[in-house]
Amino acid sequence: MAGVASDILGDAVAAGRPIAVEQERDDVLEGIPVVIRPVHESWHQPLFGSALWFYRHVPLAFTEMVWPDRDGMFPWNATCSPHVRERQPSLWIPKSEHAPGPWARLP
């Protein structure tokens, strides 16, 4: 049985296959590529406030794993399915520029 994507990524890092920004990986979701994107600093407090409070500074570079639609188009591609764009946040862009929706409404 396949594991949770975050566990698979964690295991890959532990095995010597580190995560790199803008890296496309095919070892996370069976048969589906994912891309690792940097999280813009405007999202740090709304999403990682507890970690920031605990460590008193940004403890590491926050990244987001982004998946494509059924045609292999990622959210930054003009032809990506609107459904896929709405289901995952675009954390690589400033929060103020994010499309309307639940992610943009975070405090």
PDB file of N, CA and C in Angstrom:
ATOM      1  N   MET A   1       0.838  -1.180   0.000  1.00  0.00           N
ATOM      2  CA  MET A   1       0.000   0.000   0.000  1.00  0.00           C
ATOM      3  C   MET A   1       0.883   1.243   0.000  1.00  0.00           C
ATOM      4  N   ALA A   2       0.548   2.214  -0.820  1.00  0.00           N
ATOM      5  CA  ALA A   2       1.325   3.450  -0.912  1.00  0.00           C
ATOM      6  C   ALA A   2       1.135   4.277   0.357  1.00  0.00           C
ATOM      7  N   GLY A   3       2.180   4.965   0.749  1.00  0.00           N
ATOM      8  CA  GLY A   3       2.118   5.799   1.940  1.00  0.00           C
ATOM      9  C   GLY A   3       1.634   7.199   1.627  1.00  0.00           C
ATOM     10  N   VAL A   4       1.520   7.977   2.665  1.00  0.00           N
ATOM     11  CA  VAL A   4       1.142   9.382   2.528  1.00  0.00           C
ATOM     12  C   VAL A   4       2.303  10.120   1.863  1.00  0.00           C
ATOM     13  N   ALA A   5       1.981  11.073   0.977  1.00  0.00           N
ATOM     14  CA  ALA A   5       3.016  11.770   0.211  1.00  0.00           C
ATOM     15  C   ALA A   5       4.081  12.389   1.104  1.00  0.00           C
ATOM     16  N   SER A   6       3.673  12.999   2.229  1.00  0.00           N
ATOM     17  CA  SER A   6       4.670  13.617   3.107  1.00  0.00           C
ATOM     18  C   SER A   6       5.600  12.571   3.707  1.00  0.00           C
ATOM     19  N   ASP A   7       5.081  11.386   4.022  1.00  0.00           N
ATOM     20  CA  ASP A   7       5.923  10.305   4.531  1.00  0.00           C
ATOM     21  C   ASP A   7       6.882   9.813   3.454  1.00  0.00           C
ATOM     22  N   ILE A   8       6.387   9.700   2.237  1.00  0.00           N
ATOM     23  CA  ILE A   8       7.227   9.244   1.128  1.00  0.00           C
ATOM     24  C   ILE A   8       8.353  10.238   0.885  1.00  0.00           C
ATOM     25  N   LEU A   9       8.024  11.541   0.907  1.00  0.00           N
ATOM     26  CA  LEU A   9       9.072  12.556   0.745  1.00  0.00           C
ATOM     27  C   LEU A   9      10.063  12.495   1.896  1.00  0.00           C
ATOM     28  N   GLY A  10       9.574  12.353   3.110  1.00  0.00           N
ATOM     29  CA  GLY A  10      10.455  12.262   4.275  1.00  0.00           C
ATOM     30  C   GLY A  10      11.384  11.065   4.186  1.00  0.00           C
ATOM     31  N   ASP A  11      10.841   9.929   3.761  1.00  0.00           N
ATOM     32  CA  ASP A  11      11.669   8.734   3.598  1.00  0.00           C
ATOM     33  C   ASP A  11      12.715   8.934   2.503  1.00  0.00           C
ATOM     34  N   ALA A  12      12.334   9.627   1.425  1.00  0.00           N
ATOM     35  CA  ALA A  12      13.277   9.884   0.335  1.00  0.00           C
ATOM     36  C   ALA A  12      14.425  10.769   0.809  1.00  0.00           C
ATOM     37  N   VAL A  13      14.107  11.780   1.595  1.00  0.00           N
ATOM     38  CA  VAL A  13      15.149  12.660   2.138  1.00  0.00           C
ATOM     39  C   VAL A  13      16.073  11.862   3.057  1.00  0.00           C
ATOM     40  N   ALA A  14      15.484  11.042   3.910  1.00  0.00           N
ATOM     41  CA  ALA A  14      16.287  10.226   4.830  1.00  0.00           C
ATOM     42  C   ALA A  14      17.188   9.250   4.075  1.00  0.00           C
ATOM     43  N   ALA A  15      16.759   8.835   2.887  1.00  0.00           N
ATOM     44  CA  ALA A  15      17.546   7.897   2.076  1.00  0.00           C
ATOM     45  C   ALA A  15      18.568   8.601   1.189  1.00  0.00           C
ATOM     46  N   GLY A  16      18.678   9.939   1.335  1.00  0.00           N
ATOM     47  CA  GLY A  16      19.696  10.655   0.572  1.00  0.00           C
ATOM     48  C   GLY A  16      19.210  11.315  -0.699  1.00  0.00           C
ATOM     49  N   ARG A  17      17.902  11.410  -0.908  1.00  0.00           N
ATOM     50  CA  ARG A  17      17.348  12.096  -2.074  1.00  0.00           C
ATOM     51  C   ARG A  17      16.659  13.373  -1.588  1.00  0.00           C
ATOM     52  N   PRO A  18      17.422  14.438  -1.364  1.00  0.00           N
ATOM     53  CA  PRO A  18      16.874  15.656  -0.753  1.00  0.00           C
ATOM     54  C   PRO A  18      15.848  16.364  -1.633  1.00  0.00           C
ATOM     55  N   ILE A  19      15.051  17.190  -0.983  1.00  0.00           N
ATOM     56  CA  ILE A  19      14.065  18.020  -1.665  1.00  0.00           C
ATOM     57  C   ILE A  19      14.773  19.277  -2.151  1.00  0.00           C
ATOM     58  N   ALA A  20      14.530  19.645  -3.383  1.00  0.00           N
ATOM     59  CA  ALA A  20      15.098  20.875  -3.936  1.00  0.00           C
ATOM     60  C   ALA A  20      13.975  21.694  -4.567  1.00  0.00           C
ATOM     61  N   VAL A  21      14.047  23.003  -4.414  1.00  0.00           N
ATOM     62  CA  VAL A  21      13.053  23.900  -4.985  1.00  0.00           C
ATOM     63  C   VAL A  21      13.050  23.773  -6.504  1.00  0.00           C
ATOM     64  N   GLU A  22      11.868  23.770  -7.077  1.00  0.00           N
ATOM     65  CA  GLU A  22      11.609  23.636  -8.512  1.00  0.00           C
ATOM     66  C   GLU A  22      11.943  22.244  -9.039  1.00  0.00           C
ATOM     67  N   GLN A  23      12.147  21.324  -8.150  1.00  0.00           N
ATOM     68  CA  GLN A  23      12.459  19.955  -8.536  1.00  0.00           C
ATOM     69  C   GLN A  23      11.178  19.211  -8.916  1.00  0.00           C
ATOM     70  N   GLU A  24      11.207  18.510 -10.029  1.00  0.00           N
ATOM     71  CA  GLU A  24      10.100  17.624 -10.375  1.00  0.00           C
ATOM     72  C   GLU A  24      10.481  16.233  -9.908  1.00  0.00           C
ATOM     73  N   ARG A  25       9.554  15.592  -9.214  1.00  0.00           N
ATOM     74  CA  ARG A  25       9.830  14.262  -8.665  1.00  0.00           C
ATOM     75  C   ARG A  25       8.774  13.290  -9.146  1.00  0.00           C
ATOM     76  N   ASP A  26       9.204  12.062  -9.387  1.00  0.00           N
ATOM     77  CA  ASP A  26       8.263  11.024  -9.777  1.00  0.00           C
ATOM     78  C   ASP A  26       8.251   9.875  -8.776  1.00  0.00           C
ATOM     79  N   ASP A  27       8.828  10.123  -7.588  1.00  0.00           N
ATOM     80  CA  ASP A  27       8.911   9.077  -6.576  1.00  0.00           C
ATOM     81  C   ASP A  27       7.971   9.309  -5.398  1.00  0.00           C
ATOM     82  N   VAL A  28       6.960  10.157  -5.575  1.00  0.00           N
ATOM     83  CA  VAL A  28       6.071  10.494  -4.467  1.00  0.00           C
ATOM     84  C   VAL A  28       4.672   9.909  -4.673  1.00  0.00           C
ATOM     85  N   LEU A  29       4.052  10.231  -5.784  1.00  0.00           N
ATOM     86  CA  LEU A  29       2.728   9.703  -6.120  1.00  0.00           C
ATOM     87  C   LEU A  29       2.885   8.760  -7.300  1.00  0.00           C
ATOM     88  N   GLU A  30       2.366   7.579  -7.178  1.00  0.00           N
ATOM     89  CA  GLU A  30       2.556   6.558  -8.207  1.00  0.00           C
ATOM     90  C   GLU A  30       2.111   7.041  -9.582  1.00  0.00           C
ATOM     91  N   GLY A  31       3.072   7.189 -10.489  1.00  0.00           N
ATOM     92  CA  GLY A  31       2.782   7.556 -11.861  1.00  0.00           C
ATOM     93  C   GLY A  31       2.415   9.017 -12.082  1.00  0.00           C
ATOM     94  N   ILE A  32       2.516   9.840 -11.053  1.00  0.00           N
ATOM     95  CA  ILE A  32       2.148  11.252 -11.169  1.00  0.00           C
ATOM     96  C   ILE A  32       3.340  12.102 -10.733  1.00  0.00           C
ATOM     97  N   PRO A  33       3.828  12.985 -11.592  1.00  0.00           N
ATOM     98  CA  PRO A  33       4.931  13.852 -11.169  1.00  0.00           C
ATOM     99  C   PRO A  33       4.414  14.931 -10.224  1.00  0.00           C
ATOM    100  N   VAL A  34       5.263  15.366  -9.335  1.00  0.00           N
ATOM    101  CA  VAL A  34       4.965  16.515  -8.481  1.00  0.00           C
ATOM    102  C   VAL A  34       6.143  17.470  -8.591  1.00  0.00           C
ATOM    103  N   VAL A  35       5.895  18.736  -8.276  1.00  0.00           N
ATOM    104  CA  VAL A  35       6.960  19.735  -8.288  1.00  0.00           C
ATOM    105  C   VAL A  35       7.022  20.372  -6.901  1.00  0.00           C
ATOM    106  N   ILE A  36       8.228  20.581  -6.436  1.00  0.00           N
ATOM    107  CA  ILE A  36       8.452  21.239  -5.154  1.00  0.00           C
ATOM    108  C   ILE A  36       8.625  22.731  -5.414  1.00  0.00           C
ATOM    109  N   ARG A  37       7.777  23.555  -4.812  1.00  0.00           N
ATOM    110  CA  ARG A  37       7.838  25.011  -5.000  1.00  0.00           C
ATOM    111  C   ARG A  37       8.133  25.674  -3.662  1.00  0.00           C
ATOM    112  N   PRO A  38       8.812  26.808  -3.667  1.00  0.00           N
ATOM    113  CA  PRO A  38       9.063  27.529  -2.417  1.00  0.00           C
ATOM    114  C   PRO A  38       7.783  28.211  -1.943  1.00  0.00           C
ATOM    115  N   VAL A  39       7.606  28.307  -0.647  1.00  0.00           N
ATOM    116  CA  VAL A  39       6.461  29.016  -0.077  1.00  0.00           C
ATOM    117  C   VAL A  39       6.871  30.467   0.138  1.00  0.00           C
ATOM    118  N   HIS A  40       6.108  31.401  -0.435  1.00  0.00           N
ATOM    119  CA  HIS A  40       6.382  32.830  -0.288  1.00  0.00           C
ATOM    120  C   HIS A  40       6.239  33.221   1.179  1.00  0.00           C
ATOM    121  N   GLU A  41       7.080  34.111   1.639  1.00  0.00           N
ATOM    122  CA  GLU A  41       7.110  34.481   3.061  1.00  0.00           C
ATOM    123  C   GLU A  41       5.791  35.046   3.581  1.00  0.00           C
ATOM    124  N   SER A  42       4.935  35.573   2.718  1.00  0.00           N
ATOM    125  CA  SER A  42       3.648  36.111   3.182  1.00  0.00           C
ATOM    126  C   SER A  42       2.712  35.014   3.700  1.00  0.00           C
ATOM    127  N   TRP A  43       3.013  33.760   3.404  1.00  0.00           N
ATOM    128  CA  TRP A  43       2.218  32.639   3.900  1.00  0.00           C
ATOM    129  C   TRP A  43       2.767  32.068   5.200  1.00  0.00           C
ATOM    130  N   HIS A  44       3.960  32.442   5.593  1.00  0.00           N
ATOM    131  CA  HIS A  44       4.587  31.829   6.767  1.00  0.00           C
ATOM    132  C   HIS A  44       3.732  31.968   8.018  1.00  0.00           C
ATOM    133  N   GLN A  45       3.323  33.174   8.362  1.00  0.00           N
ATOM    134  CA  GLN A  45       2.553  33.378   9.598  1.00  0.00           C
ATOM    135  C   GLN A  45       1.193  32.695   9.551  1.00  0.00           C
ATOM    136  N   PRO A  46       0.401  32.864   8.485  1.00  0.00           N
ATOM    137  CA  PRO A  46      -0.913  32.213   8.479  1.00  0.00           C
ATOM    138  C   PRO A  46      -0.871  30.685   8.532  1.00  0.00           C
ATOM    139  N   LEU A  47       0.131  30.081   7.928  1.00  0.00           N
ATOM    140  CA  LEU A  47       0.177  28.620   7.846  1.00  0.00           C
ATOM    141  C   LEU A  47       1.144  27.965   8.834  1.00  0.00           C
ATOM    142  N   PHE A  48       2.187  28.668   9.194  1.00  0.00           N
ATOM    143  CA  PHE A  48       3.231  28.062  10.028  1.00  0.00           C
ATOM    144  C   PHE A  48       3.494  28.861  11.299  1.00  0.00           C
ATOM    145  N   GLY A  49       2.486  29.608  11.755  1.00  0.00           N
ATOM    146  CA  GLY A  49       2.647  30.472  12.922  1.00  0.00           C
ATOM    147  C   GLY A  49       3.143  29.750  14.153  1.00  0.00           C
ATOM    148  N   SER A  50       2.638  28.552  14.423  1.00  0.00           N
ATOM    149  CA  SER A  50       3.075  27.804  15.609  1.00  0.00           C
ATOM    150  C   SER A  50       4.546  27.435  15.519  1.00  0.00           C
ATOM    151  N   ALA A  51       5.001  27.020  14.343  1.00  0.00           N
ATOM    152  CA  ALA A  51       6.419  26.678  14.171  1.00  0.00           C
ATOM    153  C   ALA A  51       7.283  27.922  14.352  1.00  0.00           C
ATOM    154  N   LEU A  52       6.826  29.048  13.809  1.00  0.00           N
ATOM    155  CA  LEU A  52       7.583  30.293  13.958  1.00  0.00           C
ATOM    156  C   LEU A  52       7.652  30.702  15.425  1.00  0.00           C
ATOM    157  N   TRP A  53       6.536  30.559  16.142  1.00  0.00           N
ATOM    158  CA  TRP A  53       6.524  30.902  17.568  1.00  0.00           C
ATOM    159  C   TRP A  53       7.481  29.987  18.328  1.00  0.00           C
ATOM    160  N   PHE A  54       7.427  28.694  18.038  1.00  0.00           N
ATOM    161  CA  PHE A  54       8.253  27.734  18.762  1.00  0.00           C
ATOM    162  C   PHE A  54       9.740  27.965  18.523  1.00  0.00           C
ATOM    163  N   TYR A  55      10.115  28.141  17.264  1.00  0.00           N
ATOM    164  CA  TYR A  55      11.530  28.296  16.925  1.00  0.00           C
ATOM    165  C   TYR A  55      12.016  29.734  17.025  1.00  0.00           C
ATOM    166  N   ARG A  56      11.082  30.702  17.100  1.00  0.00           N
ATOM    167  CA  ARG A  56      11.379  32.137  17.216  1.00  0.00           C
ATOM    168  C   ARG A  56      11.992  32.736  15.944  1.00  0.00           C
ATOM    169  N   HIS A  57      12.064  31.951  14.889  1.00  0.00           N
ATOM    170  CA  HIS A  57      12.547  32.410  13.591  1.00  0.00           C
ATOM    171  C   HIS A  57      12.134  31.355  12.562  1.00  0.00           C
ATOM    172  N   VAL A  58      12.340  31.647  11.311  1.00  0.00           N
ATOM    173  CA  VAL A  58      12.014  30.664  10.280  1.00  0.00           C
ATOM    174  C   VAL A  58      13.024  29.524  10.408  1.00  0.00           C
ATOM    175  N   PRO A  59      12.575  28.328  10.830  1.00  0.00           N
ATOM    176  CA  PRO A  59      13.508  27.238  11.096  1.00  0.00           C
ATOM    177  C   PRO A  59      14.049  26.549   9.847  1.00  0.00           C
ATOM    178  N   LEU A  60      13.352  26.672   8.750  1.00  0.00           N
ATOM    179  CA  LEU A  60      13.779  26.022   7.530  1.00  0.00           C
ATOM    180  C   LEU A  60      13.046  26.660   6.368  1.00  0.00           C
ATOM    181  N   ALA A  61      13.447  26.325   5.192  1.00  0.00           N
ATOM    182  CA  ALA A  61      12.760  26.844   4.006  1.00  0.00           C
ATOM    183  C   ALA A  61      11.470  26.044   3.830  1.00  0.00           C
ATOM    184  N   PHE A  62      10.352  26.723   3.882  1.00  0.00           N
ATOM    185  CA  PHE A  62       9.079  26.050   3.682  1.00  0.00           C
ATOM    186  C   PHE A  62       8.875  25.807   2.189  1.00  0.00           C
ATOM    187  N   THR A  63       8.416  24.619   1.861  1.00  0.00           N
ATOM    188  CA  THR A  63       8.156  24.274   0.466  1.00  0.00           C
ATOM    189  C   THR A  63       6.772  23.647   0.355  1.00  0.00           C
ATOM    190  N   GLU A  64       6.269  23.640  -0.857  1.00  0.00           N
ATOM    191  CA  GLU A  64       4.964  23.055  -1.144  1.00  0.00           C
ATOM    192  C   GLU A  64       5.129  22.015  -2.247  1.00  0.00           C
ATOM    193  N   MET A  65       4.457  20.906  -2.089  1.00  0.00           N
ATOM    194  CA  MET A  65       4.425  19.894  -3.129  1.00  0.00           C
ATOM    195  C   MET A  65       3.175  20.152  -3.970  1.00  0.00           C
ATOM    196  N   VAL A  66       3.356  20.346  -5.265  1.00  0.00           N
ATOM    197  CA  VAL A  66       2.252  20.685  -6.165  1.00  0.00           C
ATOM    198  C   VAL A  66       2.042  19.546  -7.155  1.00  0.00           C
ATOM    199  N   TRP A  67       0.781  19.188  -7.346  1.00  0.00           N
ATOM    200  CA  TRP A  67       0.469  18.103  -8.271  1.00  0.00           C
ATOM    201  C   TRP A  67      -0.235  18.648  -9.504  1.00  0.00           C
ATOM    202  N   PRO A  68      -0.154  17.915 -10.618  1.00  0.00           N
ATOM    203  CA  PRO A  68      -0.774  18.349 -11.869  1.00  0.00           C
ATOM    204  C   PRO A  68      -2.213  17.844 -12.005  1.00  0.00           C
ATOM    205  N   ASP A  69      -2.866  18.310 -13.051  1.00  0.00           N
ATOM    206  CA  ASP A  69      -4.182  17.771 -13.375  1.00  0.00           C
ATOM    207  C   ASP A  69      -4.011  16.457 -14.143  1.00  0.00           C
ATOM    208  N   ARG A  70      -5.082  15.883 -14.603  1.00  0.00           N
ATOM    209  CA  ARG A  70      -5.016  14.576 -15.297  1.00  0.00           C
ATOM    210  C   ARG A  70      -4.248  14.629 -16.604  1.00  0.00           C
ATOM    211  N   ASP A  71      -4.112  15.836 -17.163  1.00  0.00           N
ATOM    212  CA  ASP A  71      -3.360  15.990 -18.409  1.00  0.00           C
ATOM    213  C   ASP A  71      -1.901  16.352 -18.166  1.00  0.00           C
ATOM    214  N   GLY A  72      -1.475  16.358 -16.894  1.00  0.00           N
ATOM    215  CA  GLY A  72      -0.093  16.660 -16.563  1.00  0.00           C
ATOM    216  C   GLY A  72       0.220  18.146 -16.479  1.00  0.00           C
ATOM    217  N   MET A  73      -0.814  18.985 -16.466  1.00  0.00           N
ATOM    218  CA  MET A  73      -0.617  20.434 -16.390  1.00  0.00           C
ATOM    219  C   MET A  73      -0.643  20.887 -14.928  1.00  0.00           C
ATOM    220  N   PHE A  74       0.365  21.666 -14.549  1.00  0.00           N
ATOM    221  CA  PHE A  74       0.441  22.196 -13.191  1.00  0.00           C
ATOM    222  C   PHE A  74      -0.351  23.501 -13.097  1.00  0.00           C
ATOM    223  N   PRO A  75      -0.709  23.930 -11.902  1.00  0.00           N
ATOM    224  CA  PRO A  75      -1.544  25.127 -11.737  1.00  0.00           C
ATOM    225  C   PRO A  75      -1.014  26.384 -12.408  1.00  0.00           C
ATOM    226  N   TRP A  76       0.266  26.508 -12.629  1.00  0.00           N
ATOM    227  CA  TRP A  76       0.826  27.699 -13.283  1.00  0.00           C
ATOM    228  C   TRP A  76       0.721  27.615 -14.804  1.00  0.00           C
ATOM    229  N   ASN A  77       0.271  26.481 -15.328  1.00  0.00           N
ATOM    230  CA  ASN A  77       0.017  26.344 -16.768  1.00  0.00           C
ATOM    231  C   ASN A  77      -1.382  26.860 -17.083  1.00  0.00           C
ATOM    232  N   ALA A  78      -1.503  27.642 -18.144  1.00  0.00           N
ATOM    233  CA  ALA A  78      -2.788  28.248 -18.501  1.00  0.00           C
ATOM    234  C   ALA A  78      -3.885  27.217 -18.748  1.00  0.00           C
ATOM    235  N   THR A  79      -3.521  26.027 -19.197  1.00  0.00           N
ATOM    236  CA  THR A  79      -4.530  25.013 -19.524  1.00  0.00           C
ATOM    237  C   THR A  79      -4.814  24.043 -18.375  1.00  0.00           C
ATOM    238  N   CYS A  80      -4.283  24.310 -17.201  1.00  0.00           N
ATOM    239  CA  CYS A  80      -4.534  23.447 -16.045  1.00  0.00           C
ATOM    240  C   CYS A  80      -6.019  23.485 -15.675  1.00  0.00           C
ATOM    241  N   SER A  81      -6.529  22.373 -15.254  1.00  0.00           N
ATOM    242  CA  SER A  81      -7.927  22.255 -14.847  1.00  0.00           C
ATOM    243  C   SER A  81      -8.239  23.218 -13.691  1.00  0.00           C
ATOM    244  N   PRO A  82      -9.316  23.994 -13.793  1.00  0.00           N
ATOM    245  CA  PRO A  82      -9.714  24.876 -12.689  1.00  0.00           C
ATOM    246  C   PRO A  82      -9.923  24.104 -11.387  1.00  0.00           C
ATOM    247  N   HIS A  83     -10.401  22.874 -11.476  1.00  0.00           N
ATOM    248  CA  HIS A  83     -10.619  22.042 -10.292  1.00  0.00           C
ATOM    249  C   HIS A  83      -9.312  21.840  -9.519  1.00  0.00           C
ATOM    250  N   VAL A  84      -8.246  21.540 -10.242  1.00  0.00           N
ATOM    251  CA  VAL A  84      -6.941  21.332  -9.596  1.00  0.00           C
ATOM    252  C   VAL A  84      -6.428  22.642  -9.012  1.00  0.00           C
ATOM    253  N   ARG A  85      -6.604  23.743  -9.719  1.00  0.00           N
ATOM    254  CA  ARG A  85      -6.171  25.054  -9.208  1.00  0.00           C
ATOM    255  C   ARG A  85      -6.878  25.420  -7.919  1.00  0.00           C
ATOM    256  N   GLU A  86      -8.162  25.073  -7.811  1.00  0.00           N
ATOM    257  CA  GLU A  86      -8.942  25.425  -6.624  1.00  0.00           C
ATOM    258  C   GLU A  86      -8.637  24.513  -5.443  1.00  0.00           C
ATOM    259  N   ARG A  87      -8.177  23.305  -5.681  1.00  0.00           N
ATOM    260  CA  ARG A  87      -7.956  22.328  -4.615  1.00  0.00           C
ATOM    261  C   ARG A  87      -6.641  22.496  -3.858  1.00  0.00           C
ATOM    262  N   GLN A  88      -5.688  23.175  -4.470  1.00  0.00           N
ATOM    263  CA  GLN A  88      -4.405  23.355  -3.788  1.00  0.00           C
ATOM    264  C   GLN A  88      -4.032  24.828  -3.809  1.00  0.00           C
ATOM    265  N   PRO A  89      -3.434  25.300  -2.737  1.00  0.00           N
ATOM    266  CA  PRO A  89      -3.052  26.714  -2.702  1.00  0.00           C
ATOM    267  C   PRO A  89      -1.853  26.986  -3.596  1.00  0.00           C
ATOM    268  N   SER A  90      -1.739  28.219  -4.034  1.00  0.00           N
ATOM    269  CA  SER A  90      -0.577  28.669  -4.813  1.00  0.00           C
ATOM    270  C   SER A  90       0.351  29.411  -3.860  1.00  0.00           C
ATOM    271  N   LEU A  91       1.025  28.671  -3.016  1.00  0.00           N
ATOM    272  CA  LEU A  91       1.831  29.277  -1.959  1.00  0.00           C
ATOM    273  C   LEU A  91       3.123  29.896  -2.458  1.00  0.00           C
ATOM    274  N   TRP A  92       3.459  29.694  -3.704  1.00  0.00           N
ATOM    275  CA  TRP A  92       4.688  30.265  -4.263  1.00  0.00           C
ATOM    276  C   TRP A  92       4.497  31.715  -4.674  1.00  0.00           C
ATOM    277  N   ILE A  93       3.266  32.205  -4.687  1.00  0.00           N
ATOM    278  CA  ILE A  93       3.012  33.612  -4.997  1.00  0.00           C
ATOM    279  C   ILE A  93       2.629  34.337  -3.718  1.00  0.00           C
ATOM    280  N   PRO A  94       2.797  35.665  -3.658  1.00  0.00           N
ATOM    281  CA  PRO A  94       2.403  36.387  -2.448  1.00  0.00           C
ATOM    282  C   PRO A  94       0.921  36.175  -2.140  1.00  0.00           C
ATOM    283  N   LYS A  95       0.601  36.100  -0.857  1.00  0.00           N
ATOM    284  CA  LYS A  95      -0.775  35.885  -0.415  1.00  0.00           C
ATOM    285  C   LYS A  95      -1.706  36.930  -1.009  1.00  0.00           C
ATOM    286  N   SER A  96      -1.254  38.179  -1.113  1.00  0.00           N
ATOM    287  CA  SER A  96      -2.087  39.264  -1.638  1.00  0.00           C
ATOM    288  C   SER A  96      -2.433  39.078  -3.119  1.00  0.00           C
ATOM    289  N   GLU A  97      -1.691  38.248  -3.827  1.00  0.00           N
ATOM    290  CA  GLU A  97      -1.938  38.015  -5.250  1.00  0.00           C
ATOM    291  C   GLU A  97      -2.671  36.699  -5.524  1.00  0.00           C
ATOM    292  N   HIS A  98      -2.980  35.962  -4.452  1.00  0.00           N
ATOM    293  CA  HIS A  98      -3.639  34.664  -4.616  1.00  0.00           C
ATOM    294  C   HIS A  98      -5.069  34.855  -5.111  1.00  0.00           C
ATOM    295  N   ALA A  99      -5.532  33.936  -5.920  1.00  0.00           N
ATOM    296  CA  ALA A  99      -6.911  33.983  -6.415  1.00  0.00           C
ATOM    297  C   ALA A  99      -7.888  33.905  -5.242  1.00  0.00           C
ATOM    298  N   PRO A 100      -9.070  34.501  -5.392  1.00  0.00           N
ATOM    299  CA  PRO A 100     -10.074  34.419  -4.321  1.00  0.00           C
ATOM    300  C   PRO A 100     -10.388  32.966  -3.986  1.00  0.00           C
ATOM    301  N   GLY A 101     -10.712  32.726  -2.745  1.00  0.00           N
ATOM    302  CA  GLY A 101     -11.038  31.381  -2.302  1.00  0.00           C
ATOM    303  C   GLY A 101     -10.635  31.184  -0.862  1.00  0.00           C
ATOM    304  N   PRO A 102     -10.755  29.972  -0.360  1.00  0.00           N
ATOM    305  CA  PRO A 102     -10.482  29.720   1.066  1.00  0.00           C
ATOM    306  C   PRO A 102      -9.045  30.016   1.474  1.00  0.00           C
ATOM    307  N   TRP A 103      -8.092  29.767   0.602  1.00  0.00           N
ATOM    308  CA  TRP A 103      -6.692  30.020   0.971  1.00  0.00           C
ATOM    309  C   TRP A 103      -6.434  31.504   1.139  1.00  0.00           C
ATOM    310  N   ALA A 104      -6.989  32.321   0.266  1.00  0.00           N
ATOM    311  CA  ALA A 104      -6.772  33.772   0.333  1.00  0.00           C
ATOM    312  C   ALA A 104      -7.449  34.384   1.544  1.00  0.00           C
ATOM    313  N   ARG A 105      -8.425  33.694   2.124  1.00  0.00           N
ATOM    314  CA  ARG A 105      -9.134  34.232   3.290  1.00  0.00           C
ATOM    315  C   ARG A 105      -8.433  33.938   4.618  1.00  0.00           C
ATOM    316  N   LEU A 106      -7.344  33.235   4.591  1.00  0.00           N
ATOM    317  CA  LEU A 106      -6.611  32.996   5.837  1.00  0.00           C
ATOM    318  C   LEU A 106      -6.160  34.341   6.415  1.00  0.00           C
ATOM    319  N   PRO A 107      -6.143  34.448   7.736  1.00  0.00           N
ATOM    320  CA  PRO A 107      -5.747  35.746   8.336  1.00  0.00           C
ATOM    321  C   PRO A 107      -4.323  36.147   7.996  1.00  0.00           C
TER     322      PRO A 107
END
